[in-house]
Amino acid sequence: MARLLSHLLFVALAALASGCSGCEEADPPSTPLDYADDAYWAALPNKVDDADSVPAPGSVPEALRETLVDRQGSAAVDVFYVHPTTFIETLATANGPLDDMAVNLGVDEALRWQASAFNYAGAIFAPRYRQASLITYADDLSGDADAVIAAARRDVLAAFDQYIADRSHGRRFILVGHSQGAEHLVAVLRERIDGKPLAERMVAAYLLGEFVGRDTFAHLEFCAAPGQTGCVISWATAREGAAPGGACGSKTLSQCIASTQNTRSGPALCTNPLTWRIGGDGPASAH
């Protein structure tokens, strides 16, 4: 949160210096996107994109090199990835335009540094969506902020629906989202998967950088062992002793910063990414 506030202060000062260009707010978009059009996808298995990236051979230990290759062409499962917020240089509570070069470059960077980690395991599908601006999340979730976030969520739901209907061909899938992307995947899980037939096809859901209450889902389980599948994984990074301090469940989400998409009555889930178990410590050597 300190980094968020610092960035927002920088944006505010820059906007004031330039006469506050970019402060204008617009009504959230209501026209749906046609995700049958490949142009609305940042990554697809059949096109060259940043999700295809792999580390240079000399940059990783030899023992890991055979797992750090792009195998999307032969993968048995899919990965549906939703990127984090990249619409940052504005003071408007607004949805990001899909023709903004800076926004799209940020999405491509997210593909390179996040989604590409899964290209050994699955074929990556990553929609572009009219994301909520960074400043929206400092708007105390006012009515305007809620409407902007809801519009972004509708895009992600529409993209997932189109993926399931026309692109997945019955294959199993992994869900991956970071920050705002994870928030929207909570809606996908609640509205499309939890307690529904699609749950049988879900390998795992990675909800990263988002506080997810342990009572968020009615039927989906949280992963508690490295080999468990069909379950939800989540963690969010926080400095030790810093607010919200409940990243591993010591506080309820009502005491934390949390989105309106996540229930707040239960403690936040924290999957330890070193042990793949809920909470607890892991040795630094496991990195």
Protein backbone atom coordinates (compact mmCIF):
# COMPACT_ATOMS: atom_id res chain seq x y z
CA MET A 1 0.00 0.00 0.00
CA ALA A 2 2.91 2.36 0.70
CA ARG A 3 4.07 1.86 -2.87
CA LEU A 4 0.54 2.51 -4.12
CA LEU A 5 0.28 5.76 -2.15
CA SER A 6 3.72 6.88 -3.32
CA HIS A 7 2.79 6.21 -6.91
CA LEU A 8 -0.54 8.00 -6.55
CA LEU A 9 1.26 11.01 -5.06
CA PHE A 10 3.64 11.05 -8.02
CA VAL A 11 0.74 10.85 -10.45
CA ALA A 12 -1.09 13.63 -8.62
CA LEU A 13 1.90 15.97 -8.71
CA ALA A 14 2.52 15.22 -12.38
CA ALA A 15 -1.13 15.85 -13.20
CA LEU A 16 -1.16 19.14 -11.32
CA ALA A 17 1.98 20.25 -13.12
CA SER A 18 0.33 19.53 -16.47
CA GLY A 19 -3.00 21.13 -15.63
CA CYS A 20 -4.43 17.79 -14.48
CA SER A 21 -4.77 16.28 -17.93
CA GLY A 22 -6.19 12.80 -17.59
CA CYS A 23 -8.37 13.74 -14.63
CA GLU A 24 -11.56 13.69 -16.67
CA GLU A 25 -13.90 10.87 -15.73
CA ALA A 26 -16.16 9.11 -18.20
CA ASP A 27 -19.09 6.79 -17.78
CA PRO A 28 -18.04 3.12 -17.58
CA PRO A 29 -18.35 1.34 -20.94
CA SER A 30 -21.58 -0.53 -21.49
CA THR A 31 -21.02 -1.93 -24.99
CA PRO A 32 -19.75 -5.52 -24.72
CA LEU A 33 -16.55 -6.58 -26.45
CA ASP A 34 -16.63 -9.40 -29.00
CA TYR A 35 -13.98 -11.78 -27.73
CA ALA A 36 -14.41 -13.92 -30.84
CA ASP A 37 -12.11 -11.28 -32.36
CA ASP A 38 -8.47 -12.19 -31.68
CA ALA A 39 -7.65 -8.47 -31.46
CA TYR A 40 -9.12 -8.44 -27.96
CA TRP A 41 -6.66 -11.05 -26.74
CA ALA A 42 -3.19 -10.09 -25.53
CA ALA A 43 -2.07 -13.72 -25.72
CA LEU A 44 -3.30 -16.74 -27.65
CA PRO A 45 -1.55 -20.04 -28.34
CA ASN A 46 -1.76 -19.48 -32.10
CA LYS A 47 0.02 -16.13 -32.19
CA VAL A 48 3.42 -14.76 -31.21
CA ASP A 49 3.16 -12.72 -28.01
CA ASP A 50 5.01 -11.97 -24.79
CA ALA A 51 3.51 -14.97 -23.01
CA ASP A 52 5.85 -17.06 -25.20
CA SER A 53 8.92 -15.61 -23.44
CA VAL A 54 11.47 -17.88 -21.76
CA PRO A 55 14.64 -17.02 -19.83
CA ALA A 56 17.93 -16.92 -21.69
CA PRO A 57 19.67 -20.32 -21.24
CA GLY A 58 22.63 -18.80 -19.43
CA SER A 59 20.45 -17.01 -16.89
CA VAL A 60 19.10 -20.08 -15.08
CA PRO A 61 20.70 -23.14 -13.45
CA GLU A 62 21.20 -26.02 -15.83
CA ALA A 63 18.99 -28.28 -13.72
CA LEU A 64 16.01 -26.01 -14.40
CA ARG A 65 16.50 -25.35 -18.09
CA GLU A 66 14.39 -28.22 -19.39
CA THR A 67 11.36 -26.89 -17.49
CA LEU A 68 11.85 -23.31 -18.69
CA VAL A 69 10.80 -23.83 -22.29
CA ASP A 70 7.65 -22.85 -24.15
CA ARG A 71 5.54 -26.00 -24.61
CA GLN A 72 2.21 -24.38 -25.41
CA GLY A 73 1.97 -26.25 -28.69
CA SER A 74 1.90 -29.64 -26.95
CA ALA A 75 0.33 -28.69 -23.61
CA ALA A 76 -2.55 -30.81 -22.34
CA VAL A 77 -4.22 -27.95 -20.45
CA ASP A 78 -4.93 -24.25 -20.94
CA VAL A 79 -4.07 -21.23 -18.82
CA PHE A 80 -6.58 -18.36 -18.60
CA TYR A 81 -4.54 -15.40 -17.36
CA VAL A 82 -5.90 -12.00 -16.26
CA HIS A 83 -3.35 -9.21 -15.98
CA PRO A 84 -3.00 -6.68 -13.12
CA THR A 85 -3.57 -2.93 -13.32
CA THR A 86 -1.49 -1.18 -15.99
CA PHE A 87 -3.71 1.92 -16.40
CA ILE A 88 -1.77 4.06 -13.94
CA GLU A 89 -0.96 7.48 -15.40
CA THR A 90 -4.32 9.10 -14.68
CA LEU A 91 -6.18 10.70 -11.80
CA ALA A 92 -9.53 9.62 -13.19
CA THR A 93 -11.71 6.90 -11.73
CA ALA A 94 -12.14 5.33 -15.15
CA ASN A 95 -11.79 2.29 -17.37
CA GLY A 96 -8.65 1.94 -19.45
CA PRO A 97 -9.00 2.35 -23.22
CA LEU A 98 -7.89 -0.63 -25.29
CA ASP A 99 -6.09 1.61 -27.79
CA ASP A 100 -3.80 3.24 -25.20
CA MET A 101 -0.22 2.32 -26.11
CA ALA A 102 1.17 2.74 -22.59
CA VAL A 103 -1.59 0.61 -21.09
CA ASN A 104 -1.06 -2.13 -23.67
CA LEU A 105 2.71 -2.10 -23.22
CA GLY A 106 2.11 -2.64 -19.52
CA VAL A 107 -0.11 -5.61 -20.30
CA ASP A 108 2.57 -7.06 -22.57
CA GLU A 109 5.13 -6.64 -19.77
CA ALA A 110 2.82 -8.53 -17.43
CA LEU A 111 2.62 -11.34 -19.98
CA ARG A 112 6.40 -11.48 -20.14
CA TRP A 113 7.02 -11.47 -16.39
CA GLN A 114 3.98 -13.35 -15.12
CA ALA A 115 1.99 -15.33 -17.68
CA SER A 116 5.10 -16.74 -19.36
CA ALA A 117 5.88 -18.66 -16.16
CA PHE A 118 3.05 -21.00 -17.17
CA ASN A 119 3.97 -21.61 -20.82
CA TYR A 120 5.68 -24.90 -19.93
CA ALA A 121 2.46 -26.16 -18.34
CA GLY A 122 -0.31 -24.83 -20.56
CA ALA A 123 -1.48 -22.92 -23.61
CA ILE A 124 -2.00 -19.31 -22.54
CA PHE A 125 -5.15 -17.29 -23.21
CA ALA A 126 -5.01 -13.72 -21.89
CA PRO A 127 -7.75 -11.19 -22.69
CA ARG A 128 -7.32 -7.45 -22.91
CA TYR A 129 -10.05 -5.81 -20.87
CA ARG A 130 -11.16 -2.31 -19.96
CA GLN A 131 -9.43 -2.39 -16.62
CA ALA A 132 -10.08 -0.03 -13.73
CA SER A 133 -7.45 2.68 -13.33
CA LEU A 134 -5.07 2.52 -10.38
CA ILE A 135 -6.63 5.62 -8.83
CA THR A 136 -9.98 3.81 -8.77
CA TYR A 137 -8.69 1.69 -5.91
CA ALA A 138 -7.92 4.79 -3.85
CA ASP A 139 -11.48 6.06 -4.32
CA ASP A 140 -12.81 4.33 -1.19
CA LEU A 141 -14.93 2.17 -3.46
CA SER A 142 -17.47 4.93 -4.07
CA GLY A 143 -20.38 4.38 -6.42
CA ASP A 144 -18.22 5.57 -9.31
CA ALA A 145 -15.41 3.19 -8.38
CA ASP A 146 -17.81 0.27 -8.04
CA ALA A 147 -19.24 0.97 -11.50
CA VAL A 148 -15.78 1.15 -13.08
CA ILE A 149 -14.66 -2.11 -11.45
CA ALA A 150 -17.93 -3.79 -12.44
CA ALA A 151 -17.38 -2.81 -16.09
CA ALA A 152 -13.90 -4.35 -16.04
CA ARG A 153 -15.31 -7.46 -14.42
CA ARG A 154 -17.95 -7.80 -17.16
CA ASP A 155 -15.19 -7.83 -19.78
CA VAL A 156 -13.31 -10.61 -17.99
CA LEU A 157 -16.47 -12.68 -17.57
CA ALA A 158 -17.27 -12.20 -21.27
CA ALA A 159 -13.75 -13.26 -22.25
CA PHE A 160 -13.95 -16.37 -20.08
CA ASP A 161 -17.36 -17.26 -21.48
CA GLN A 162 -16.06 -16.95 -25.04
CA TYR A 163 -12.97 -18.99 -24.16
CA ILE A 164 -15.13 -21.79 -22.72
CA ALA A 165 -17.63 -21.72 -25.59
CA ASP A 166 -15.30 -21.49 -28.58
CA ARG A 167 -11.63 -21.85 -27.64
CA SER A 168 -11.25 -24.43 -24.89
CA HIS A 169 -12.72 -27.42 -26.76
CA GLY A 170 -13.44 -29.16 -23.47
CA ARG A 171 -9.85 -28.97 -22.21
CA ARG A 172 -8.94 -28.57 -18.57
CA PHE A 173 -7.72 -25.15 -17.50
CA ILE A 174 -5.70 -23.23 -14.93
CA LEU A 175 -6.83 -19.75 -13.83
CA VAL A 176 -4.13 -17.19 -13.05
CA GLY A 177 -4.62 -13.58 -12.02
CA HIS A 178 -2.61 -10.94 -10.21
CA SER A 179 -3.98 -8.01 -8.20
CA GLN A 180 -6.93 -6.57 -10.18
CA GLY A 181 -6.79 -9.65 -12.38
CA ALA A 182 -7.16 -11.90 -9.33
CA GLU A 183 -10.09 -9.82 -8.13
CA HIS A 184 -11.94 -10.38 -11.40
CA LEU A 185 -11.15 -14.09 -11.30
CA VAL A 186 -12.93 -14.26 -7.95
CA ALA A 187 -16.06 -13.30 -9.88
CA VAL A 188 -15.32 -15.91 -12.56
CA LEU A 189 -14.96 -18.57 -9.89
CA ARG A 190 -18.08 -17.53 -8.01
CA GLU A 191 -20.34 -17.07 -11.01
CA ARG A 192 -19.10 -19.72 -13.44
CA ILE A 193 -17.27 -22.45 -11.53
CA ASP A 194 -18.06 -22.77 -7.81
CA GLY A 195 -20.55 -25.62 -7.45
CA LYS A 196 -20.99 -25.89 -11.23
CA PRO A 197 -19.89 -28.50 -13.83
CA LEU A 198 -16.90 -26.40 -14.93
CA ALA A 199 -15.31 -27.09 -11.55
CA GLU A 200 -14.48 -30.58 -12.85
CA ARG A 201 -12.26 -29.04 -15.54
CA MET A 202 -10.38 -26.60 -13.32
CA VAL A 203 -6.87 -27.76 -12.45
CA ALA A 204 -6.19 -24.88 -10.04
CA ALA A 205 -6.83 -21.17 -9.59
CA TYR A 206 -3.96 -18.84 -8.65
CA LEU A 207 -5.36 -15.64 -7.09
CA LEU A 208 -2.20 -13.67 -6.39
CA GLY A 209 -1.70 -10.25 -4.84
CA GLU A 210 -5.28 -10.18 -3.58
CA PHE A 211 -6.74 -10.85 -0.15
CA VAL A 212 -9.26 -13.66 -0.56
CA GLY A 213 -11.46 -14.60 2.38
CA ARG A 214 -11.50 -18.26 3.33
CA ASP A 215 -15.30 -18.12 3.10
CA THR A 216 -15.32 -16.60 -0.39
CA PHE A 217 -16.48 -19.81 -2.09
CA ALA A 218 -19.27 -22.17 -1.16
CA HIS A 219 -17.82 -25.38 -2.62
CA LEU A 220 -14.29 -24.82 -3.93
CA GLU A 221 -11.52 -25.90 -1.60
CA PHE A 222 -8.26 -24.13 -0.91
CA CYS A 223 -5.14 -26.08 -1.85
CA ALA A 224 -3.50 -27.52 1.26
CA ALA A 225 -0.88 -29.83 -0.28
CA PRO A 226 1.54 -29.60 -3.25
CA GLY A 227 -0.22 -32.25 -5.35
CA GLN A 228 -3.80 -31.16 -4.73
CA THR A 229 -5.85 -30.05 -7.75
CA GLY A 230 -9.24 -28.51 -8.41
CA CYS A 231 -8.57 -25.97 -5.67
CA VAL A 232 -7.67 -22.31 -5.04
CA ILE A 233 -4.24 -20.86 -4.26
CA SER A 234 -3.77 -17.31 -2.99
CA TRP A 235 -1.22 -15.10 -1.32
CA ALA A 236 -0.45 -11.41 -1.08
CA THR A 237 2.89 -9.87 -0.17
CA ALA A 238 3.11 -7.56 2.84
CA ARG A 239 6.03 -6.28 4.88
CA GLU A 240 6.27 -8.09 8.20
CA GLY A 241 4.31 -6.18 10.81
CA ALA A 242 2.75 -3.83 8.27
CA ALA A 243 -0.95 -3.33 7.70
CA PRO A 244 -3.05 -5.24 6.91
CA GLY A 245 -0.90 -7.79 8.70
CA GLY A 246 -3.43 -10.52 8.04
CA ALA A 247 -2.02 -11.87 4.80
CA CYS A 248 -1.79 -15.32 6.34
CA GLY A 249 -5.11 -15.17 8.10
CA SER A 250 -4.37 -13.62 11.51
CA LYS A 251 -7.05 -10.99 10.90
CA THR A 252 -10.41 -11.05 9.23
CA LEU A 253 -10.79 -9.22 5.94
CA SER A 254 -12.95 -6.61 7.66
CA GLN A 255 -9.69 -5.46 9.23
CA CYS A 256 -7.83 -5.53 5.92
CA ILE A 257 -7.88 -3.76 2.60
CA ALA A 258 -10.12 -5.95 0.47
CA SER A 259 -12.24 -5.67 -2.62
CA THR A 260 -16.01 -5.73 -2.62
CA GLN A 261 -15.83 -8.98 -4.59
CA ASN A 262 -14.42 -10.90 -1.65
CA THR A 263 -16.26 -11.77 1.54
CA ARG A 264 -14.83 -10.14 4.62
CA SER A 265 -16.09 -12.29 7.48
CA GLY A 266 -13.36 -14.89 7.25
CA PRO A 267 -9.58 -14.57 7.53
CA ALA A 268 -7.59 -14.16 4.34
CA LEU A 269 -6.19 -17.24 2.67
CA CYS A 270 -2.42 -17.45 2.42
CA THR A 271 -0.87 -20.31 0.48
CA ASN A 272 2.85 -20.49 1.17
CA PRO A 273 4.42 -20.58 -2.33
CA LEU A 274 7.47 -22.42 -1.00
CA THR A 275 5.62 -25.31 0.64
CA TRP A 276 2.26 -25.11 -1.20
CA ARG A 277 0.51 -25.47 2.14
CA ILE A 278 -1.74 -22.98 3.91
CA GLY A 279 0.28 -20.58 6.07
CA GLY A 280 3.42 -21.49 7.95
CA ASP A 281 7.04 -20.77 7.19
CA GLY A 282 9.25 -22.01 4.39
CA PRO A 283 13.04 -21.97 4.20
CA ALA A 284 14.69 -19.37 1.98
CA SER A 285 16.58 -22.22 0.33
CA ALA A 286 13.29 -23.41 -1.16
CA HIS A 287 13.17 -20.41 -3.52
